[in-house]
Amino acid sequence: MINLSQNGMRCRATKEIRTHEGLIRRFTEGTIHGVIDNLGRQLINVEWDSDITTYVFFNEIEITGGVQLSAAFF
């Protein structure tokens, strides 16, 4: 299932995230492009400002603009 209600929301990494495309440093900002449910887990597709696109878990990011992201949000 793909949830597009968070499409376009800005977020930032809460910790370093290692991907095959490179390292996303803490506080790097990006744009959410969708949320999918995979084996009972929520994965968020983020295009980072560093030109890396990857899936992350909800506890690895925070929404910028004062809105907190939690599992119940999805």
PDB file of N, CA and C in Angstrom:
ATOM      1  N   MET A   1       0.830  -1.178   0.000  1.00  0.00           N
ATOM      2  CA  MET A   1       0.000   0.000   0.000  1.00  0.00           C
ATOM      3  C   MET A   1       0.878   1.247   0.000  1.00  0.00           C
ATOM      4  N   ILE A   2       0.550   2.198  -0.836  1.00  0.00           N
ATOM      5  CA  ILE A   2       1.300   3.448  -0.906  1.00  0.00           C
ATOM      6  C   ILE A   2       0.412   4.575  -0.394  1.00  0.00           C
ATOM      7  N   ASN A   3       0.950   5.360   0.527  1.00  0.00           N
ATOM      8  CA  ASN A   3       0.235   6.491   1.099  1.00  0.00           C
ATOM      9  C   ASN A   3       0.887   7.765   0.571  1.00  0.00           C
ATOM     10  N   LEU A   4       0.137   8.573  -0.156  1.00  0.00           N
ATOM     11  CA  LEU A   4       0.696   9.785  -0.751  1.00  0.00           C
ATOM     12  C   LEU A   4       0.295  11.052   0.000  1.00  0.00           C
ATOM     13  N   SER A   5      -0.341  10.917   1.166  1.00  0.00           N
ATOM     14  CA  SER A   5      -0.809  12.099   1.889  1.00  0.00           C
ATOM     15  C   SER A   5       0.333  12.953   2.425  1.00  0.00           C
ATOM     16  N   GLN A   6       1.530  12.382   2.572  1.00  0.00           N
ATOM     17  CA  GLN A   6       2.672  13.151   3.063  1.00  0.00           C
ATOM     18  C   GLN A   6       3.560  13.653   1.921  1.00  0.00           C
ATOM     19  N   ASN A   7       3.157  13.418   0.674  1.00  0.00           N
ATOM     20  CA  ASN A   7       3.941  13.853  -0.475  1.00  0.00           C
ATOM     21  C   ASN A   7       4.255  15.341  -0.398  1.00  0.00           C
ATOM     22  N   GLY A   8       5.506  15.673  -0.639  1.00  0.00           N
ATOM     23  CA  GLY A   8       5.922  17.066  -0.669  1.00  0.00           C
ATOM     24  C   GLY A   8       6.307  17.655   0.676  1.00  0.00           C
ATOM     25  N   MET A   9       6.058  16.927   1.768  1.00  0.00           N
ATOM     26  CA  MET A   9       6.430  17.447   3.089  1.00  0.00           C
ATOM     27  C   MET A   9       7.948  17.436   3.238  1.00  0.00           C
ATOM     28  N   ARG A  10       8.476  18.444   3.885  1.00  0.00           N
ATOM     29  CA  ARG A  10       9.907  18.540   4.115  1.00  0.00           C
ATOM     30  C   ARG A  10      10.260  17.818   5.410  1.00  0.00           C
ATOM     31  N   CYS A  11      11.435  17.206   5.417  1.00  0.00           N
ATOM     32  CA  CYS A  11      11.887  16.476   6.607  1.00  0.00           C
ATOM     33  C   CYS A  11      13.393  16.637   6.744  1.00  0.00           C
ATOM     34  N   ARG A  12      13.908  16.139   7.860  1.00  0.00           N
ATOM     35  CA  ARG A  12      15.356  16.168   8.097  1.00  0.00           C
ATOM     36  C   ARG A  12      15.758  14.880   8.795  1.00  0.00           C
ATOM     37  N   ALA A  13      16.977  14.423   8.523  1.00  0.00           N
ATOM     38  CA  ALA A  13      17.496  13.191   9.122  1.00  0.00           C
ATOM     39  C   ALA A  13      17.819  13.430  10.591  1.00  0.00           C
ATOM     40  N   THR A  14      17.451  12.473  11.446  1.00  0.00           N
ATOM     41  CA  THR A  14      17.746  12.594  12.875  1.00  0.00           C
ATOM     42  C   THR A  14      19.054  11.911  13.246  1.00  0.00           C
ATOM     43  N   LYS A  15      19.617  11.159  12.296  1.00  0.00           N
ATOM     44  CA  LYS A  15      20.908  10.497  12.514  1.00  0.00           C
ATOM     45  C   LYS A  15      21.526  10.211  11.155  1.00  0.00           C
ATOM     46  N   GLU A  16      22.784   9.786  11.143  1.00  0.00           N
ATOM     47  CA  GLU A  16      23.422   9.432   9.880  1.00  0.00           C
ATOM     48  C   GLU A  16      22.766   8.178   9.310  1.00  0.00           C
ATOM     49  N   ILE A  17      22.542   8.199   8.003  1.00  0.00           N
ATOM     50  CA  ILE A  17      21.920   7.072   7.316  1.00  0.00           C
ATOM     51  C   ILE A  17      22.861   6.662   6.184  1.00  0.00           C
ATOM     52  N   ARG A  18      23.282   5.411   6.215  1.00  0.00           N
ATOM     53  CA  ARG A  18      24.176   4.896   5.169  1.00  0.00           C
ATOM     54  C   ARG A  18      23.345   4.188   4.110  1.00  0.00           C
ATOM     55  N   THR A  19      23.576   4.543   2.856  1.00  0.00           N
ATOM     56  CA  THR A  19      22.893   3.906   1.740  1.00  0.00           C
ATOM     57  C   THR A  19      23.927   3.509   0.698  1.00  0.00           C
ATOM     58  N   HIS A  20      23.492   2.745  -0.300  1.00  0.00           N
ATOM     59  CA  HIS A  20      24.409   2.372  -1.375  1.00  0.00           C
ATOM     60  C   HIS A  20      24.773   3.577  -2.250  1.00  0.00           C
ATOM     61  N   GLU A  21      23.979   4.656  -2.183  1.00  0.00           N
ATOM     62  CA  GLU A  21      24.271   5.871  -2.943  1.00  0.00           C
ATOM     63  C   GLU A  21      25.210   6.809  -2.205  1.00  0.00           C
ATOM     64  N   GLY A  22      25.349   6.639  -0.897  1.00  0.00           N
ATOM     65  CA  GLY A  22      26.215   7.514  -0.119  1.00  0.00           C
ATOM     66  C   GLY A  22      25.704   7.703   1.299  1.00  0.00           C
ATOM     67  N   LEU A  23      26.342   8.602   2.007  1.00  0.00           N
ATOM     68  CA  LEU A  23      26.026   8.884   3.403  1.00  0.00           C
ATOM     69  C   LEU A  23      25.116  10.107   3.496  1.00  0.00           C
ATOM     70  N   ILE A  24      24.034   9.967   4.247  1.00  0.00           N
ATOM     71  CA  ILE A  24      23.152  11.093   4.536  1.00  0.00           C
ATOM     72  C   ILE A  24      23.474  11.529   5.955  1.00  0.00           C
ATOM     73  N   ARG A  25      24.000  12.702   6.090  1.00  0.00           N
ATOM     74  CA  ARG A  25      24.414  13.208   7.404  1.00  0.00           C
ATOM     75  C   ARG A  25      23.209  13.671   8.215  1.00  0.00           C
ATOM     76  N   ARG A  26      23.384  13.654   9.535  1.00  0.00           N
ATOM     77  CA  ARG A  26      22.352  14.154  10.441  1.00  0.00           C
ATOM     78  C   ARG A  26      22.038  15.605  10.082  1.00  0.00           C
ATOM     79  N   PHE A  27      20.778  15.967  10.148  1.00  0.00           N
ATOM     80  CA  PHE A  27      20.240  17.292   9.840  1.00  0.00           C
ATOM     81  C   PHE A  27      20.150  17.586   8.343  1.00  0.00           C
ATOM     82  N   THR A  28      20.506  16.628   7.473  1.00  0.00           N
ATOM     83  CA  THR A  28      20.292  16.818   6.043  1.00  0.00           C
ATOM     84  C   THR A  28      18.794  16.863   5.790  1.00  0.00           C
ATOM     85  N   GLU A  29      18.349  17.798   4.966  1.00  0.00           N
ATOM     86  CA  GLU A  29      16.927  17.937   4.694  1.00  0.00           C
ATOM     87  C   GLU A  29      16.556  17.300   3.366  1.00  0.00           C
ATOM     88  N   GLY A  30      15.279  16.951   3.245  1.00  0.00           N
ATOM     89  CA  GLY A  30      14.793  16.333   2.025  1.00  0.00           C
ATOM     90  C   GLY A  30      13.289  16.483   1.899  1.00  0.00           C
ATOM     91  N   THR A  31      12.740  15.896   0.828  1.00  0.00           N
ATOM     92  CA  THR A  31      11.320  15.960   0.532  1.00  0.00           C
ATOM     93  C   THR A  31      10.748  14.546   0.478  1.00  0.00           C
ATOM     94  N   ILE A  32       9.634  14.332   1.169  1.00  0.00           N
ATOM     95  CA  ILE A  32       8.972  13.029   1.169  1.00  0.00           C
ATOM     96  C   ILE A  32       8.233  12.844  -0.155  1.00  0.00           C
ATOM     97  N   HIS A  33       8.425  11.672  -0.766  1.00  0.00           N
ATOM     98  CA  HIS A  33       7.767  11.363  -2.035  1.00  0.00           C
ATOM     99  C   HIS A  33       6.767  10.231  -1.918  1.00  0.00           C
ATOM    100  N   GLY A  34       6.569   9.688  -0.741  1.00  0.00           N
ATOM    101  CA  GLY A  34       5.580   8.636  -0.549  1.00  0.00           C
ATOM    102  C   GLY A  34       5.916   7.766   0.639  1.00  0.00           C
ATOM    103  N   VAL A  35       4.927   7.003   1.061  1.00  0.00           N
ATOM    104  CA  VAL A  35       5.085   6.085   2.188  1.00  0.00           C
ATOM    105  C   VAL A  35       4.501   4.746   1.761  1.00  0.00           C
ATOM    106  N   ILE A  36       5.246   3.661   1.993  1.00  0.00           N
ATOM    107  CA  ILE A  36       4.735   2.341   1.654  1.00  0.00           C
ATOM    108  C   ILE A  36       4.729   1.456   2.894  1.00  0.00           C
ATOM    109  N   ASP A  37       3.843   0.487   2.872  1.00  0.00           N
ATOM    110  CA  ASP A  37       3.765  -0.507   3.943  1.00  0.00           C
ATOM    111  C   ASP A  37       4.411  -1.780   3.414  1.00  0.00           C
ATOM    112  N   ASN A  38       5.473  -2.243   4.086  1.00  0.00           N
ATOM    113  CA  ASN A  38       6.201  -3.420   3.650  1.00  0.00           C
ATOM    114  C   ASN A  38       6.381  -4.350   4.837  1.00  0.00           C
ATOM    115  N   LEU A  39       5.716  -5.493   4.797  1.00  0.00           N
ATOM    116  CA  LEU A  39       5.812  -6.486   5.868  1.00  0.00           C
ATOM    117  C   LEU A  39       5.491  -5.888   7.231  1.00  0.00           C
ATOM    118  N   GLY A  40       4.503  -5.007   7.271  1.00  0.00           N
ATOM    119  CA  GLY A  40       4.080  -4.391   8.523  1.00  0.00           C
ATOM    120  C   GLY A  40       4.921  -3.208   8.962  1.00  0.00           C
ATOM    121  N   ARG A  41       5.881  -2.806   8.129  1.00  0.00           N
ATOM    122  CA  ARG A  41       6.736  -1.653   8.456  1.00  0.00           C
ATOM    123  C   ARG A  41       6.391  -0.497   7.534  1.00  0.00           C
ATOM    124  N   GLN A  42       6.464   0.709   8.055  1.00  0.00           N
ATOM    125  CA  GLN A  42       6.252   1.903   7.250  1.00  0.00           C
ATOM    126  C   GLN A  42       7.600   2.383   6.728  1.00  0.00           C
ATOM    127  N   LEU A  43       7.753   2.440   5.413  1.00  0.00           N
ATOM    128  CA  LEU A  43       8.977   2.946   4.792  1.00  0.00           C
ATOM    129  C   LEU A  43       8.647   4.236   4.061  1.00  0.00           C
ATOM    130  N   ILE A  44       9.466   5.257   4.279  1.00  0.00           N
ATOM    131  CA  ILE A  44       9.231   6.573   3.722  1.00  0.00           C
ATOM    132  C   ILE A  44      10.264   6.830   2.633  1.00  0.00           C
ATOM    133  N   ASN A  45       9.795   7.148   1.431  1.00  0.00           N
ATOM    134  CA  ASN A  45      10.680   7.456   0.313  1.00  0.00           C
ATOM    135  C   ASN A  45      11.019   8.946   0.373  1.00  0.00           C
ATOM    136  N   VAL A  46      12.305   9.255   0.557  1.00  0.00           N
ATOM    137  CA  VAL A  46      12.748  10.635   0.696  1.00  0.00           C
ATOM    138  C   VAL A  46      13.785  10.953  -0.371  1.00  0.00           C
ATOM    139  N   GLU A  47      13.597  12.102  -1.037  1.00  0.00           N
ATOM    140  CA  GLU A  47      14.624  12.634  -1.927  1.00  0.00           C
ATOM    141  C   GLU A  47      15.364  13.715  -1.141  1.00  0.00           C
ATOM    142  N   TRP A  48      16.607  13.428  -0.814  1.00  0.00           N
ATOM    143  CA  TRP A  48      17.401  14.327   0.018  1.00  0.00           C
ATOM    144  C   TRP A  48      17.971  15.469  -0.814  1.00  0.00           C
ATOM    145  N   ASP A  49      18.256  16.582  -0.174  1.00  0.00           N
ATOM    146  CA  ASP A  49      18.829  17.740  -0.858  1.00  0.00           C
ATOM    147  C   ASP A  49      20.216  17.437  -1.422  1.00  0.00           C
ATOM    148  N   SER A  50      20.831  16.338  -0.966  1.00  0.00           N
ATOM    149  CA  SER A  50      22.143  15.924  -1.465  1.00  0.00           C
ATOM    150  C   SER A  50      22.015  15.036  -2.708  1.00  0.00           C
ATOM    151  N   ASP A  51      20.810  15.020  -3.333  1.00  0.00           N
ATOM    152  CA  ASP A  51      20.530  14.260  -4.564  1.00  0.00           C
ATOM    153  C   ASP A  51      20.537  12.753  -4.372  1.00  0.00           C
ATOM    154  N   ILE A  52      20.323  12.287  -3.158  1.00  0.00           N
ATOM    155  CA  ILE A  52      20.174  10.861  -2.880  1.00  0.00           C
ATOM    156  C   ILE A  52      18.699  10.603  -2.593  1.00  0.00           C
ATOM    157  N   THR A  53      18.168   9.531  -3.173  1.00  0.00           N
ATOM    158  CA  THR A  53      16.790   9.119  -2.901  1.00  0.00           C
ATOM    159  C   THR A  53      16.832   7.739  -2.266  1.00  0.00           C
ATOM    160  N   THR A  54      16.174   7.598  -1.120  1.00  0.00           N
ATOM    161  CA  THR A  54      16.205   6.318  -0.420  1.00  0.00           C
ATOM    162  C   THR A  54      14.973   6.164   0.469  1.00  0.00           C
ATOM    163  N   TYR A  55      14.726   4.931   0.907  1.00  0.00           N
ATOM    164  CA  TYR A  55      13.672   4.656   1.877  1.00  0.00           C
ATOM    165  C   TYR A  55      14.256   4.695   3.280  1.00  0.00           C
ATOM    166  N   VAL A  56      13.526   5.292   4.213  1.00  0.00           N
ATOM    167  CA  VAL A  56      13.951   5.366   5.609  1.00  0.00           C
ATOM    168  C   VAL A  56      12.770   4.976   6.502  1.00  0.00           C
ATOM    169  N   PHE A  57      13.064   4.658   7.749  1.00  0.00           N
ATOM    170  CA  PHE A  57      12.021   4.395   8.739  1.00  0.00           C
ATOM    171  C   PHE A  57      11.598   5.709   9.387  1.00  0.00           C
ATOM    172  N   PHE A  58      10.377   5.737   9.947  1.00  0.00           N
ATOM    173  CA  PHE A  58       9.842   6.976  10.515  1.00  0.00           C
ATOM    174  C   PHE A  58      10.700   7.516  11.652  1.00  0.00           C
ATOM    175  N   ASN A  59      11.424   6.647  12.365  1.00  0.00           N
ATOM    176  CA  ASN A  59      12.238   7.134  13.488  1.00  0.00           C
ATOM    177  C   ASN A  59      13.584   7.696  13.031  1.00  0.00           C
ATOM    178  N   GLU A  60      13.862   7.669  11.740  1.00  0.00           N
ATOM    179  CA  GLU A  60      15.122   8.208  11.226  1.00  0.00           C
ATOM    180  C   GLU A  60      14.973   9.633  10.712  1.00  0.00           C
ATOM    181  N   ILE A  61      13.737  10.146  10.679  1.00  0.00           N
ATOM    182  CA  ILE A  61      13.505  11.504  10.187  1.00  0.00           C
ATOM    183  C   ILE A  61      12.559  12.251  11.115  1.00  0.00           C
ATOM    184  N   GLU A  62      12.527  13.562  10.938  1.00  0.00           N
ATOM    185  CA  GLU A  62      11.525  14.391  11.593  1.00  0.00           C
ATOM    186  C   GLU A  62      11.014  15.388  10.563  1.00  0.00           C
ATOM    187  N   ILE A  63       9.738  15.688  10.649  1.00  0.00           N
ATOM    188  CA  ILE A  63       9.137  16.652   9.738  1.00  0.00           C
ATOM    189  C   ILE A  63       9.559  18.046  10.174  1.00  0.00           C
ATOM    190  N   THR A  64       9.999  18.862   9.241  1.00  0.00           N
ATOM    191  CA  THR A  64      10.353  20.241   9.575  1.00  0.00           C
ATOM    192  C   THR A  64       9.086  21.083   9.561  1.00  0.00           C
ATOM    193  N   GLY A  65       9.072  22.124  10.348  1.00  0.00           N
ATOM    194  CA  GLY A  65       7.897  22.976  10.430  1.00  0.00           C
ATOM    195  C   GLY A  65       7.065  22.726  11.676  1.00  0.00           C
ATOM    196  N   GLY A  66       7.632  22.030  12.673  1.00  0.00           N
ATOM    197  CA  GLY A  66       6.959  21.874  13.949  1.00  0.00           C
ATOM    198  C   GLY A  66       6.031  20.681  14.068  1.00  0.00           C
ATOM    199  N   VAL A  67       5.867  19.878  13.025  1.00  0.00           N
ATOM    200  CA  VAL A  67       5.007  18.698  13.093  1.00  0.00           C
ATOM    201  C   VAL A  67       5.866  17.495  13.414  1.00  0.00           C
ATOM    202  N   GLN A  68       5.485  16.725  14.437  1.00  0.00           N
ATOM    203  CA  GLN A  68       6.219  15.530  14.806  1.00  0.00           C
ATOM    204  C   GLN A  68       5.714  14.348  13.993  1.00  0.00           C
ATOM    205  N   LEU A  69       6.615  13.479  13.575  1.00  0.00           N
ATOM    206  CA  LEU A  69       6.266  12.292  12.797  1.00  0.00           C
ATOM    207  C   LEU A  69       6.259  11.093  13.732  1.00  0.00           C
ATOM    208  N   SER A  70       5.201  10.316  13.692  1.00  0.00           N
ATOM    209  CA  SER A  70       5.127   9.114  14.506  1.00  0.00           C
ATOM    210  C   SER A  70       4.477   8.013  13.697  1.00  0.00           C
ATOM    211  N   ALA A  71       4.554   6.785  14.163  1.00  0.00           N
ATOM    212  CA  ALA A  71       3.973   5.653  13.458  1.00  0.00           C
ATOM    213  C   ALA A  71       2.453   5.846  13.303  1.00  0.00           C
ATOM    214  N   ALA A  72       1.817   6.481  14.267  1.00  0.00           N
ATOM    215  CA  ALA A  72       0.376   6.701  14.201  1.00  0.00           C
ATOM    216  C   ALA A  72       0.010   7.712  13.108  1.00  0.00           C
ATOM    217  N   PHE A  73       0.972   8.488  12.664  1.00  0.00           N
ATOM    218  CA  PHE A  73       0.742   9.512  11.638  1.00  0.00           C
ATOM    219  C   PHE A  73       0.350   8.884  10.318  1.00  0.00           C
ATOM    220  N   PHE A  74       0.805   7.672  10.078  1.00  0.00           N
ATOM    221  CA  PHE A  74       0.551   7.008   8.805  1.00  0.00           C
ATOM    222  C   PHE A  74      -0.652   6.135   8.940  1.00  0.00           C
TER     223      PHE A  74
END
